[in-house]
Amino acid sequence: MKKKFIGRTAAAALVLGLGASTFGAGAANAAEAKPAHDLSVNYTVSSAKAKGYAGLVAIHAKNEGSQRYYSEFPAISFRVDVKTDKGPEGVDRLITPGWFNGAYTQDLGFDEKTSTRSFMVTLANPVEVGENQLIANLNFGDGLTKEGRLNNYIQVTQVGRLDDDKTTGNDQNVDSRQNTKTDFGKAINGVF
């Protein structure tokens, strides 16, 4: 009887020991898996914003890394491409850029062949760990043109980054149609 109890106790201790070491290793691997520097891109918009009509879209950069994201040189920057989802091709729409938290937004012009209006957003201030920083907004004018109503979507690509920021899955061609939420955090189709 005593032998059975000792055997069961030893088995339980072994299982607990293995479980604890596995959990500890898993937690250590999870901590190691987080890169030091990584920015992701996301969008927010009012749930009242209708496709093809006037309204604001906010662009955010979230620090997914374990350290503050900042650089004087090279500059941390994002290319913002506004593309046509539906409506006449080769037609531009009034879009006024805004910038926040020390970022600057430059209008790069409209490419009639690809129906793309491009902007460059350059950051001047750090993005702290876990911070989802508002860096720019696009104020869309009414999409009704002489050729028909335009519906647009946005793609953002990080073009200036820190040398050790090797992650690209969350900052290259980030499409607003899959990455937009309302101001209250509900997923919404990012066509504007």
N, C-alpha and C. Protein backbone atom coordinates (compact mmCIF):
# COMPACT_ATOMS: atom_id res chain seq x y z
N MET A 1 0.82 -1.20 0.00
CA MET A 1 0.00 0.00 0.00
C MET A 1 0.87 1.26 0.00
N LYS A 2 1.88 1.24 0.90
CA LYS A 2 2.78 2.37 0.99
C LYS A 2 3.54 2.55 -0.32
N LYS A 3 3.92 1.41 -0.95
CA LYS A 3 4.65 1.43 -2.21
C LYS A 3 3.80 2.06 -3.32
N LYS A 4 2.49 1.71 -3.35
CA LYS A 4 1.58 2.27 -4.35
C LYS A 4 1.47 3.78 -4.20
N PHE A 5 1.33 4.23 -2.94
CA PHE A 5 1.19 5.66 -2.67
C PHE A 5 2.43 6.41 -3.12
N ILE A 6 3.60 5.89 -2.80
CA ILE A 6 4.86 6.52 -3.19
C ILE A 6 4.98 6.53 -4.71
N GLY A 7 4.59 5.44 -5.35
CA GLY A 7 4.64 5.36 -6.82
C GLY A 7 3.72 6.39 -7.46
N ARG A 8 2.51 6.52 -6.92
CA ARG A 8 1.56 7.50 -7.46
C ARG A 8 2.05 8.93 -7.21
N THR A 9 2.59 9.16 -6.03
CA THR A 9 3.12 10.48 -5.70
C THR A 9 4.27 10.85 -6.63
N ALA A 10 5.15 9.90 -6.88
CA ALA A 10 6.28 10.14 -7.78
C ALA A 10 5.79 10.41 -9.19
N ALA A 11 4.78 9.66 -9.64
CA ALA A 11 4.24 9.85 -10.99
C ALA A 11 3.59 11.23 -11.11
N ALA A 12 2.83 11.61 -10.08
CA ALA A 12 2.18 12.93 -10.09
C ALA A 12 3.22 14.04 -10.11
N ALA A 13 4.26 13.88 -9.31
CA ALA A 13 5.33 14.89 -9.27
C ALA A 13 6.02 14.99 -10.62
N LEU A 14 6.23 13.85 -11.27
CA LEU A 14 6.87 13.84 -12.58
C LEU A 14 6.00 14.57 -13.60
N VAL A 15 4.69 14.28 -13.59
CA VAL A 15 3.76 14.94 -14.52
C VAL A 15 3.73 16.45 -14.26
N LEU A 16 3.64 16.85 -12.99
CA LEU A 16 3.64 18.27 -12.66
C LEU A 16 4.95 18.94 -13.07
N GLY A 17 6.04 18.26 -12.83
CA GLY A 17 7.36 18.79 -13.20
C GLY A 17 7.47 18.98 -14.70
N LEU A 18 7.02 17.98 -15.47
CA LEU A 18 7.07 18.10 -16.92
C LEU A 18 6.15 19.22 -17.41
N GLY A 19 4.96 19.30 -16.82
CA GLY A 19 4.01 20.35 -17.20
C GLY A 19 4.56 21.73 -16.91
N ALA A 20 5.17 21.89 -15.73
CA ALA A 20 5.72 23.20 -15.36
C ALA A 20 6.88 23.57 -16.27
N SER A 21 7.74 22.59 -16.57
CA SER A 21 8.88 22.91 -17.43
C SER A 21 8.41 23.21 -18.85
N THR A 22 7.39 22.50 -19.32
CA THR A 22 6.84 22.77 -20.65
C THR A 22 6.20 24.15 -20.68
N PHE A 23 5.42 24.49 -19.64
CA PHE A 23 4.80 25.80 -19.56
C PHE A 23 5.86 26.89 -19.51
N GLY A 24 6.89 26.68 -18.70
CA GLY A 24 7.97 27.66 -18.59
C GLY A 24 8.68 27.84 -19.91
N ALA A 25 8.94 26.76 -20.62
CA ALA A 25 9.60 26.85 -21.92
C ALA A 25 8.71 27.56 -22.93
N GLY A 26 7.40 27.26 -22.87
CA GLY A 26 6.45 27.91 -23.78
C GLY A 26 6.40 29.41 -23.52
N ALA A 27 6.38 29.80 -22.25
CA ALA A 27 6.36 31.23 -21.91
C ALA A 27 7.66 31.90 -22.34
N ALA A 28 8.77 31.21 -22.14
CA ALA A 28 10.06 31.77 -22.55
C ALA A 28 10.12 31.93 -24.07
N ASN A 29 9.61 30.92 -24.80
CA ASN A 29 9.61 31.01 -26.26
C ASN A 29 8.71 32.14 -26.74
N ALA A 30 7.57 32.33 -26.07
CA ALA A 30 6.66 33.40 -26.46
C ALA A 30 7.32 34.76 -26.25
N ALA A 31 8.06 34.90 -25.12
CA ALA A 31 8.74 36.16 -24.85
C ALA A 31 9.85 36.39 -25.87
N GLU A 32 10.56 35.33 -26.24
CA GLU A 32 11.64 35.45 -27.21
C GLU A 32 11.10 35.73 -28.62
N ALA A 33 9.90 35.25 -28.91
CA ALA A 33 9.34 35.39 -30.25
C ALA A 33 8.97 36.84 -30.58
N LYS A 34 8.74 37.67 -29.56
CA LYS A 34 8.36 39.06 -29.80
C LYS A 34 9.60 39.84 -30.24
N PRO A 35 9.57 40.43 -31.44
CA PRO A 35 10.74 41.17 -31.91
C PRO A 35 10.93 42.47 -31.11
N ALA A 36 12.14 42.97 -31.11
CA ALA A 36 12.42 44.23 -30.42
C ALA A 36 11.68 45.39 -31.09
N HIS A 37 11.68 45.41 -32.41
CA HIS A 37 11.06 46.51 -33.15
C HIS A 37 10.13 45.98 -34.24
N ASP A 38 8.86 46.38 -34.17
CA ASP A 38 7.87 45.95 -35.15
C ASP A 38 6.67 46.90 -35.09
N LEU A 39 6.33 47.49 -36.21
CA LEU A 39 5.14 48.33 -36.31
C LEU A 39 4.11 47.64 -37.20
N SER A 40 2.85 47.71 -36.81
CA SER A 40 1.76 47.23 -37.66
C SER A 40 0.88 48.43 -38.01
N VAL A 41 0.07 48.27 -39.03
CA VAL A 41 -0.79 49.35 -39.52
C VAL A 41 -2.25 48.94 -39.37
N ASN A 42 -3.10 49.88 -38.97
CA ASN A 42 -4.54 49.64 -38.92
C ASN A 42 -5.28 50.95 -39.15
N TYR A 43 -6.57 50.83 -39.37
CA TYR A 43 -7.40 51.98 -39.73
C TYR A 43 -8.62 52.04 -38.82
N THR A 44 -9.12 53.26 -38.57
CA THR A 44 -10.40 53.43 -37.90
C THR A 44 -11.24 54.44 -38.68
N VAL A 45 -12.55 54.25 -38.57
CA VAL A 45 -13.49 55.12 -39.28
C VAL A 45 -14.81 55.11 -38.51
N SER A 46 -15.56 56.16 -38.64
CA SER A 46 -16.89 56.22 -38.04
C SER A 46 -17.79 55.19 -38.71
N SER A 47 -18.63 54.55 -37.92
CA SER A 47 -19.57 53.58 -38.50
C SER A 47 -20.60 54.27 -39.39
N ALA A 48 -20.72 55.59 -39.27
CA ALA A 48 -21.66 56.35 -40.10
C ALA A 48 -21.08 56.70 -41.47
N LYS A 49 -19.79 56.45 -41.70
CA LYS A 49 -19.14 56.77 -42.98
C LYS A 49 -19.67 55.82 -44.05
N ALA A 50 -20.31 56.39 -45.07
CA ALA A 50 -20.87 55.60 -46.17
C ALA A 50 -19.86 55.52 -47.31
N LYS A 51 -19.86 54.40 -48.02
CA LYS A 51 -18.97 54.21 -49.17
C LYS A 51 -19.24 55.28 -50.22
N GLY A 52 -18.16 55.91 -50.71
CA GLY A 52 -18.29 56.87 -51.79
C GLY A 52 -18.73 58.26 -51.37
N TYR A 53 -18.91 58.48 -50.07
CA TYR A 53 -19.33 59.79 -49.58
C TYR A 53 -18.23 60.40 -48.71
N ALA A 54 -18.39 61.66 -48.36
CA ALA A 54 -17.37 62.38 -47.60
C ALA A 54 -17.20 61.78 -46.21
N GLY A 55 -15.98 61.90 -45.67
CA GLY A 55 -15.69 61.45 -44.31
C GLY A 55 -14.22 61.21 -44.07
N LEU A 56 -13.87 61.02 -42.80
CA LEU A 56 -12.48 60.84 -42.37
C LEU A 56 -12.14 59.38 -42.12
N VAL A 57 -10.91 59.01 -42.46
CA VAL A 57 -10.35 57.70 -42.14
C VAL A 57 -9.04 57.94 -41.41
N ALA A 58 -8.87 57.32 -40.25
CA ALA A 58 -7.64 57.48 -39.46
C ALA A 58 -6.70 56.32 -39.72
N ILE A 59 -5.40 56.63 -39.80
CA ILE A 59 -4.36 55.62 -40.01
C ILE A 59 -3.50 55.58 -38.75
N HIS A 60 -3.31 54.36 -38.21
CA HIS A 60 -2.55 54.17 -36.98
C HIS A 60 -1.35 53.27 -37.22
N ALA A 61 -0.29 53.51 -36.45
CA ALA A 61 0.87 52.61 -36.39
C ALA A 61 0.94 52.08 -34.97
N LYS A 62 0.87 50.75 -34.83
CA LYS A 62 0.92 50.13 -33.50
C LYS A 62 2.28 49.49 -33.29
N ASN A 63 2.88 49.76 -32.14
CA ASN A 63 4.16 49.16 -31.79
C ASN A 63 3.91 47.77 -31.23
N GLU A 64 4.23 46.75 -32.02
CA GLU A 64 4.05 45.34 -31.64
C GLU A 64 5.32 44.77 -31.02
N GLY A 65 6.39 45.56 -30.99
CA GLY A 65 7.68 45.09 -30.49
C GLY A 65 7.81 45.23 -28.98
N SER A 66 9.00 44.89 -28.48
CA SER A 66 9.27 44.94 -27.05
C SER A 66 10.03 46.20 -26.65
N GLN A 67 10.39 47.06 -27.63
CA GLN A 67 11.11 48.29 -27.34
C GLN A 67 10.46 49.46 -28.08
N ARG A 68 10.75 50.65 -27.58
CA ARG A 68 10.27 51.88 -28.21
C ARG A 68 10.75 51.93 -29.67
N TYR A 69 9.88 52.36 -30.58
CA TYR A 69 10.21 52.41 -32.01
C TYR A 69 10.50 53.86 -32.38
N TYR A 70 11.77 54.16 -32.70
CA TYR A 70 12.15 55.53 -33.03
C TYR A 70 13.47 55.55 -33.78
N SER A 71 13.59 56.48 -34.71
CA SER A 71 14.84 56.67 -35.44
C SER A 71 14.87 58.07 -36.03
N GLU A 72 16.01 58.73 -35.88
CA GLU A 72 16.22 60.02 -36.56
C GLU A 72 16.53 59.77 -38.03
N PHE A 73 17.42 58.78 -38.26
CA PHE A 73 17.81 58.41 -39.62
C PHE A 73 18.13 56.94 -39.63
N PRO A 74 17.58 56.14 -40.50
CA PRO A 74 16.64 56.57 -41.54
C PRO A 74 15.29 56.93 -40.94
N ALA A 75 14.58 57.79 -41.63
CA ALA A 75 13.26 58.20 -41.16
C ALA A 75 12.29 57.02 -41.25
N ILE A 76 11.43 56.91 -40.26
CA ILE A 76 10.38 55.88 -40.26
C ILE A 76 9.24 56.44 -41.11
N SER A 77 8.90 55.73 -42.18
CA SER A 77 7.90 56.27 -43.11
C SER A 77 7.01 55.19 -43.70
N PHE A 78 5.85 55.62 -44.16
CA PHE A 78 4.84 54.74 -44.73
C PHE A 78 4.33 55.36 -46.03
N ARG A 79 4.19 54.53 -47.08
CA ARG A 79 3.54 54.98 -48.32
C ARG A 79 2.07 54.59 -48.22
N VAL A 80 1.21 55.56 -48.46
CA VAL A 80 -0.24 55.35 -48.40
C VAL A 80 -0.77 55.47 -49.82
N ASP A 81 -1.37 54.40 -50.32
CA ASP A 81 -1.95 54.40 -51.66
C ASP A 81 -3.46 54.29 -51.56
N VAL A 82 -4.16 55.26 -52.13
CA VAL A 82 -5.63 55.23 -52.19
C VAL A 82 -6.00 54.76 -53.58
N LYS A 83 -6.68 53.61 -53.64
CA LYS A 83 -6.99 52.97 -54.93
C LYS A 83 -8.50 52.90 -55.16
N THR A 84 -8.88 52.73 -56.42
CA THR A 84 -10.29 52.64 -56.77
C THR A 84 -10.79 51.22 -56.56
N ASP A 85 -11.84 51.08 -55.76
CA ASP A 85 -12.49 49.79 -55.54
C ASP A 85 -13.63 49.61 -56.53
N LYS A 86 -14.37 50.68 -56.75
CA LYS A 86 -15.53 50.63 -57.64
C LYS A 86 -15.75 52.04 -58.20
N GLY A 87 -16.14 52.09 -59.46
CA GLY A 87 -16.40 53.38 -60.08
C GLY A 87 -15.48 53.62 -61.26
N PRO A 88 -15.49 54.82 -61.80
CA PRO A 88 -14.70 55.12 -62.99
C PRO A 88 -13.20 55.03 -62.72
N GLU A 89 -12.47 54.44 -63.67
CA GLU A 89 -11.01 54.32 -63.57
C GLU A 89 -10.35 55.60 -64.08
N GLY A 90 -9.16 55.90 -63.54
CA GLY A 90 -8.41 57.07 -63.98
C GLY A 90 -8.98 58.39 -63.53
N VAL A 91 -9.87 58.35 -62.54
CA VAL A 91 -10.52 59.56 -62.04
C VAL A 91 -10.09 59.78 -60.59
N ASP A 92 -9.66 61.01 -60.28
CA ASP A 92 -9.20 61.36 -58.94
C ASP A 92 -10.37 61.87 -58.10
N ARG A 93 -10.17 61.83 -56.80
CA ARG A 93 -11.16 62.29 -55.84
C ARG A 93 -10.47 63.23 -54.87
N LEU A 94 -11.17 64.23 -54.40
CA LEU A 94 -10.60 65.15 -53.42
C LEU A 94 -10.31 64.40 -52.12
N ILE A 95 -9.04 64.39 -51.72
CA ILE A 95 -8.62 63.78 -50.46
C ILE A 95 -7.64 64.74 -49.80
N THR A 96 -7.98 65.20 -48.61
CA THR A 96 -7.11 66.11 -47.87
C THR A 96 -6.44 65.34 -46.74
N PRO A 97 -5.09 65.29 -46.73
CA PRO A 97 -4.40 64.55 -45.67
C PRO A 97 -4.25 65.38 -44.40
N GLY A 98 -4.21 64.67 -43.28
CA GLY A 98 -3.90 65.29 -42.00
C GLY A 98 -2.78 64.50 -41.34
N TRP A 99 -2.13 65.09 -40.35
CA TRP A 99 -1.04 64.38 -39.67
C TRP A 99 -1.08 64.70 -38.19
N PHE A 100 -0.56 63.76 -37.38
CA PHE A 100 -0.70 63.83 -35.93
C PHE A 100 0.56 63.32 -35.25
N ASN A 101 0.72 63.69 -33.98
CA ASN A 101 1.81 63.19 -33.13
C ASN A 101 3.18 63.37 -33.76
N GLY A 102 3.37 64.50 -34.42
CA GLY A 102 4.67 64.80 -35.01
C GLY A 102 4.91 64.20 -36.38
N ALA A 103 3.97 63.43 -36.89
CA ALA A 103 4.13 62.86 -38.24
C ALA A 103 3.83 63.95 -39.27
N TYR A 104 4.32 63.74 -40.48
CA TYR A 104 4.04 64.67 -41.57
C TYR A 104 3.56 63.87 -42.78
N THR A 105 2.52 64.35 -43.44
CA THR A 105 1.97 63.66 -44.61
C THR A 105 2.18 64.51 -45.85
N GLN A 106 2.82 63.92 -46.84
CA GLN A 106 3.10 64.61 -48.10
C GLN A 106 2.28 63.95 -49.22
N ASP A 107 1.63 64.77 -50.03
CA ASP A 107 0.88 64.27 -51.19
C ASP A 107 1.86 64.01 -52.32
N LEU A 108 1.92 62.77 -52.80
CA LEU A 108 2.85 62.40 -53.88
C LEU A 108 2.20 62.48 -55.26
N GLY A 109 0.90 62.75 -55.31
CA GLY A 109 0.23 62.91 -56.60
C GLY A 109 -0.66 61.74 -56.97
N PHE A 110 -1.27 61.88 -58.15
CA PHE A 110 -2.23 60.90 -58.66
C PHE A 110 -1.69 60.24 -59.91
N ASP A 111 -1.68 58.90 -59.93
CA ASP A 111 -1.27 58.14 -61.11
C ASP A 111 -2.54 57.71 -61.84
N GLU A 112 -2.81 58.38 -62.95
CA GLU A 112 -4.04 58.14 -63.71
C GLU A 112 -4.10 56.71 -64.26
N LYS A 113 -2.95 56.15 -64.65
CA LYS A 113 -2.92 54.80 -65.23
C LYS A 113 -3.37 53.73 -64.24
N THR A 114 -3.02 53.91 -62.96
CA THR A 114 -3.38 52.90 -61.95
C THR A 114 -4.52 53.37 -61.04
N SER A 115 -5.04 54.57 -61.29
CA SER A 115 -6.10 55.17 -60.46
C SER A 115 -5.69 55.20 -58.99
N THR A 116 -4.46 55.65 -58.72
CA THR A 116 -3.92 55.65 -57.36
C THR A 116 -3.43 57.04 -56.96
N ARG A 117 -3.95 57.54 -55.85
CA ARG A 117 -3.43 58.76 -55.22
C ARG A 117 -2.51 58.29 -54.10
N SER A 118 -1.27 58.80 -54.05
CA SER A 118 -0.29 58.34 -53.07
C SER A 118 0.14 59.46 -52.14
N PHE A 119 0.43 59.07 -50.90
CA PHE A 119 0.93 59.97 -49.87
C PHE A 119 2.12 59.30 -49.19
N MET A 120 2.98 60.11 -48.55
CA MET A 120 4.06 59.58 -47.73
C MET A 120 3.89 60.16 -46.33
N VAL A 121 3.82 59.27 -45.33
CA VAL A 121 3.71 59.69 -43.93
C VAL A 121 5.06 59.41 -43.27
N THR A 122 5.68 60.45 -42.72
CA THR A 122 6.98 60.32 -42.06
C THR A 122 6.81 60.63 -40.58
N LEU A 123 7.27 59.71 -39.73
CA LEU A 123 7.16 59.88 -38.28
C LEU A 123 8.32 60.71 -37.75
N ALA A 124 8.05 61.55 -36.76
CA ALA A 124 9.10 62.35 -36.13
C ALA A 124 9.22 62.03 -34.64
N ASN A 125 8.25 61.34 -34.08
CA ASN A 125 8.25 61.01 -32.66
C ASN A 125 8.20 59.50 -32.47
N PRO A 126 8.63 59.03 -31.30
CA PRO A 126 8.63 57.58 -31.06
C PRO A 126 7.21 57.02 -30.91
N VAL A 127 7.11 55.72 -31.18
CA VAL A 127 5.88 54.98 -30.89
C VAL A 127 6.26 54.05 -29.74
N GLU A 128 5.63 54.27 -28.58
CA GLU A 128 5.98 53.50 -27.38
C GLU A 128 5.45 52.08 -27.48
N VAL A 129 6.01 51.18 -26.69
CA VAL A 129 5.62 49.77 -26.68
C VAL A 129 4.11 49.66 -26.42
N GLY A 130 3.41 48.95 -27.29
CA GLY A 130 1.97 48.72 -27.14
C GLY A 130 1.09 49.88 -27.61
N GLU A 131 1.68 51.01 -27.92
CA GLU A 131 0.90 52.18 -28.33
C GLU A 131 0.37 52.02 -29.75
N ASN A 132 -0.89 52.37 -29.95
CA ASN A 132 -1.52 52.38 -31.27
C ASN A 132 -1.67 53.84 -31.66
N GLN A 133 -0.61 54.42 -32.22
CA GLN A 133 -0.50 55.86 -32.43
C GLN A 133 -1.19 56.31 -33.71
N LEU A 134 -2.05 57.32 -33.57
CA LEU A 134 -2.65 57.97 -34.73
C LEU A 134 -1.55 58.76 -35.43
N ILE A 135 -1.28 58.43 -36.71
CA ILE A 135 -0.21 59.11 -37.43
C ILE A 135 -0.72 59.99 -38.57
N ALA A 136 -1.89 59.67 -39.10
CA ALA A 136 -2.43 60.45 -40.22
C ALA A 136 -3.92 60.18 -40.36
N ASN A 137 -4.58 61.06 -41.10
CA ASN A 137 -5.94 60.77 -41.53
C ASN A 137 -6.11 61.24 -42.96
N LEU A 138 -7.10 60.70 -43.60
CA LEU A 138 -7.46 61.12 -44.95
C LEU A 138 -8.90 61.59 -44.91
N ASN A 139 -9.10 62.84 -45.29
CA ASN A 139 -10.43 63.43 -45.32
C ASN A 139 -10.94 63.32 -46.75
N PHE A 140 -11.79 62.32 -46.98
CA PHE A 140 -12.33 62.08 -48.32
C PHE A 140 -13.45 63.07 -48.61
N GLY A 141 -13.36 63.71 -49.77
CA GLY A 141 -14.48 64.51 -50.25
C GLY A 141 -15.54 63.58 -50.83
N ASP A 142 -16.66 64.14 -51.22
CA ASP A 142 -17.71 63.31 -51.82
C ASP A 142 -17.16 62.62 -53.07
N GLY A 143 -17.43 61.33 -53.20
CA GLY A 143 -16.92 60.55 -54.32
C GLY A 143 -17.71 60.68 -55.61
N LEU A 144 -18.73 61.54 -55.62
CA LEU A 144 -19.54 61.71 -56.83
C LEU A 144 -18.79 62.61 -57.81
N THR A 145 -18.37 62.03 -58.93
CA THR A 145 -17.66 62.79 -59.97
C THR A 145 -18.55 62.87 -61.20
N LYS A 146 -18.10 63.60 -62.21
CA LYS A 146 -18.85 63.70 -63.46
C LYS A 146 -18.96 62.35 -64.14
N GLU A 147 -17.98 61.47 -63.90
CA GLU A 147 -17.95 60.14 -64.53
C GLU A 147 -18.67 59.07 -63.71
N GLY A 148 -19.09 59.39 -62.50
CA GLY A 148 -19.75 58.42 -61.64
C GLY A 148 -19.19 58.47 -60.23
N ARG A 149 -19.78 57.69 -59.32
CA ARG A 149 -19.36 57.70 -57.91
C ARG A 149 -18.16 56.78 -57.70
N LEU A 150 -17.15 57.30 -57.00
CA LEU A 150 -15.94 56.54 -56.68
C LEU A 150 -16.04 55.93 -55.29
N ASN A 151 -15.67 54.66 -55.18
CA ASN A 151 -15.44 54.00 -53.90
C ASN A 151 -13.96 53.66 -53.85
N ASN A 152 -13.30 54.04 -52.76
CA ASN A 152 -11.87 53.83 -52.65
C ASN A 152 -11.52 52.95 -51.46
N TYR A 153 -10.34 52.33 -51.54
CA TYR A 153 -9.76 51.63 -50.40
C TYR A 153 -8.31 52.08 -50.27
N ILE A 154 -7.69 51.74 -49.16
CA ILE A 154 -6.34 52.21 -48.86
C ILE A 154 -5.41 51.01 -48.68
N GLN A 155 -4.18 51.14 -49.18
CA GLN A 155 -3.11 50.19 -48.88
C GLN A 155 -1.93 50.98 -48.34
N VAL A 156 -1.41 50.53 -47.19
CA VAL A 156 -0.26 51.19 -46.57
C VAL A 156 0.90 50.22 -46.52
N THR A 157 2.10 50.71 -46.85
CA THR A 157 3.33 49.92 -46.79
C THR A 157 4.39 50.72 -46.04
N GLN A 158 5.01 50.08 -45.04
CA GLN A 158 6.12 50.74 -44.35
C GLN A 158 7.35 50.69 -45.26
N VAL A 159 7.89 51.86 -45.59
CA VAL A 159 9.04 51.92 -46.50
C VAL A 159 10.33 52.33 -45.79
N GLY A 160 10.23 53.04 -44.68
CA GLY A 160 11.39 53.39 -43.87
C GLY A 160 11.25 52.71 -42.53
N ARG A 161 12.27 51.93 -42.14
CA ARG A 161 12.16 51.12 -40.92
C ARG A 161 13.51 51.02 -40.25
N LEU A 162 13.52 50.56 -39.01
CA LEU A 162 14.76 50.27 -38.30
C LEU A 162 15.40 49.03 -38.91
N ASP A 163 16.73 48.96 -38.84
CA ASP A 163 17.46 47.84 -39.46
C ASP A 163 17.03 46.48 -38.94
N ASP A 164 16.70 46.39 -37.63
CA ASP A 164 16.35 45.09 -37.07
C ASP A 164 14.86 44.76 -37.18
N ASP A 165 14.08 45.62 -37.79
CA ASP A 165 12.65 45.34 -38.02
C ASP A 165 12.53 44.52 -39.30
N LYS A 166 12.49 43.20 -39.12
CA LYS A 166 12.46 42.28 -40.27
C LYS A 166 11.05 41.77 -40.57
N THR A 167 10.09 42.04 -39.68
CA THR A 167 8.73 41.56 -39.89
C THR A 167 8.04 42.42 -40.94
N THR A 168 7.41 41.77 -41.89
CA THR A 168 6.74 42.51 -42.97
C THR A 168 5.28 42.09 -43.16
N GLY A 169 4.83 41.07 -42.46
CA GLY A 169 3.47 40.57 -42.65
C GLY A 169 2.40 41.53 -42.19
N ASN A 170 2.75 42.47 -41.30
CA ASN A 170 1.75 43.38 -40.76
C ASN A 170 1.97 44.84 -41.17
N ASP A 171 2.91 45.07 -42.11
CA ASP A 171 3.15 46.45 -42.53
C ASP A 171 3.43 46.61 -44.03
N GLN A 172 3.12 45.60 -44.82
CA GLN A 172 3.31 45.68 -46.27
C GLN A 172 1.96 45.49 -46.97
N ASN A 173 1.56 46.47 -47.77
CA ASN A 173 0.29 46.42 -48.49
C ASN A 173 -0.88 46.08 -47.57
N VAL A 174 -0.95 46.75 -46.43
CA VAL A 174 -2.03 46.53 -45.46
C VAL A 174 -3.30 47.14 -46.04
N ASP A 175 -4.24 46.28 -46.38
CA ASP A 175 -5.46 46.66 -47.11
C ASP A 175 -6.56 47.06 -46.13
N SER A 176 -7.12 48.25 -46.35
CA SER A 176 -8.18 48.74 -45.46
C SER A 176 -9.42 47.86 -45.50
N ARG A 177 -9.62 47.11 -46.58
CA ARG A 177 -10.82 46.27 -46.68
C ARG A 177 -10.81 45.13 -45.67
N GLN A 178 -9.64 44.78 -45.16
CA GLN A 178 -9.53 43.72 -44.16
C GLN A 178 -9.05 44.22 -42.80
N ASN A 179 -8.62 45.46 -42.68
CA ASN A 179 -7.97 45.92 -41.45
C ASN A 179 -8.55 47.20 -40.87
N THR A 180 -9.85 47.41 -41.06
CA THR A 180 -10.49 48.63 -40.57
C THR A 180 -11.50 48.29 -39.49
N LYS A 181 -11.51 49.14 -38.44
CA LYS A 181 -12.49 49.00 -37.37
C LYS A 181 -13.19 50.34 -37.17
N THR A 182 -14.37 50.27 -36.57
CA THR A 182 -15.07 51.51 -36.23
C THR A 182 -14.35 52.15 -35.04
N ASP A 183 -14.75 53.35 -34.70
CA ASP A 183 -14.16 54.03 -33.55
C ASP A 183 -14.41 53.26 -32.25
N PHE A 184 -15.35 52.33 -32.27
CA PHE A 184 -15.66 51.52 -31.09
C PHE A 184 -15.07 50.12 -31.16
N GLY A 185 -14.23 49.84 -32.17
CA GLY A 185 -13.51 48.58 -32.24
C GLY A 185 -14.19 47.46 -33.00
N LYS A 186 -15.30 47.74 -33.67
CA LYS A 186 -16.00 46.70 -34.43
C LYS A 186 -15.45 46.65 -35.86
N ALA A 187 -15.18 45.45 -36.37
CA ALA A 187 -14.67 45.29 -37.74
C ALA A 187 -15.69 45.85 -38.74
N ILE A 188 -15.17 46.53 -39.76
CA ILE A 188 -16.02 47.14 -40.78
C ILE A 188 -15.29 47.05 -42.12
N ASN A 189 -16.06 46.97 -43.20
CA ASN A 189 -15.47 46.92 -44.53
C ASN A 189 -14.84 48.28 -44.84
N GLY A 190 -13.54 48.30 -45.04
CA GLY A 190 -12.82 49.56 -45.24
C GLY A 190 -12.83 50.06 -46.67
N VAL A 191 -14.01 50.30 -47.20
CA VAL A 191 -14.16 50.93 -48.52
C VAL A 191 -14.79 52.29 -48.25
N PHE A 192 -14.21 53.34 -48.84
CA PHE A 192 -14.61 54.69 -48.47
C PHE A 192 -15.12 55.49 -49.66
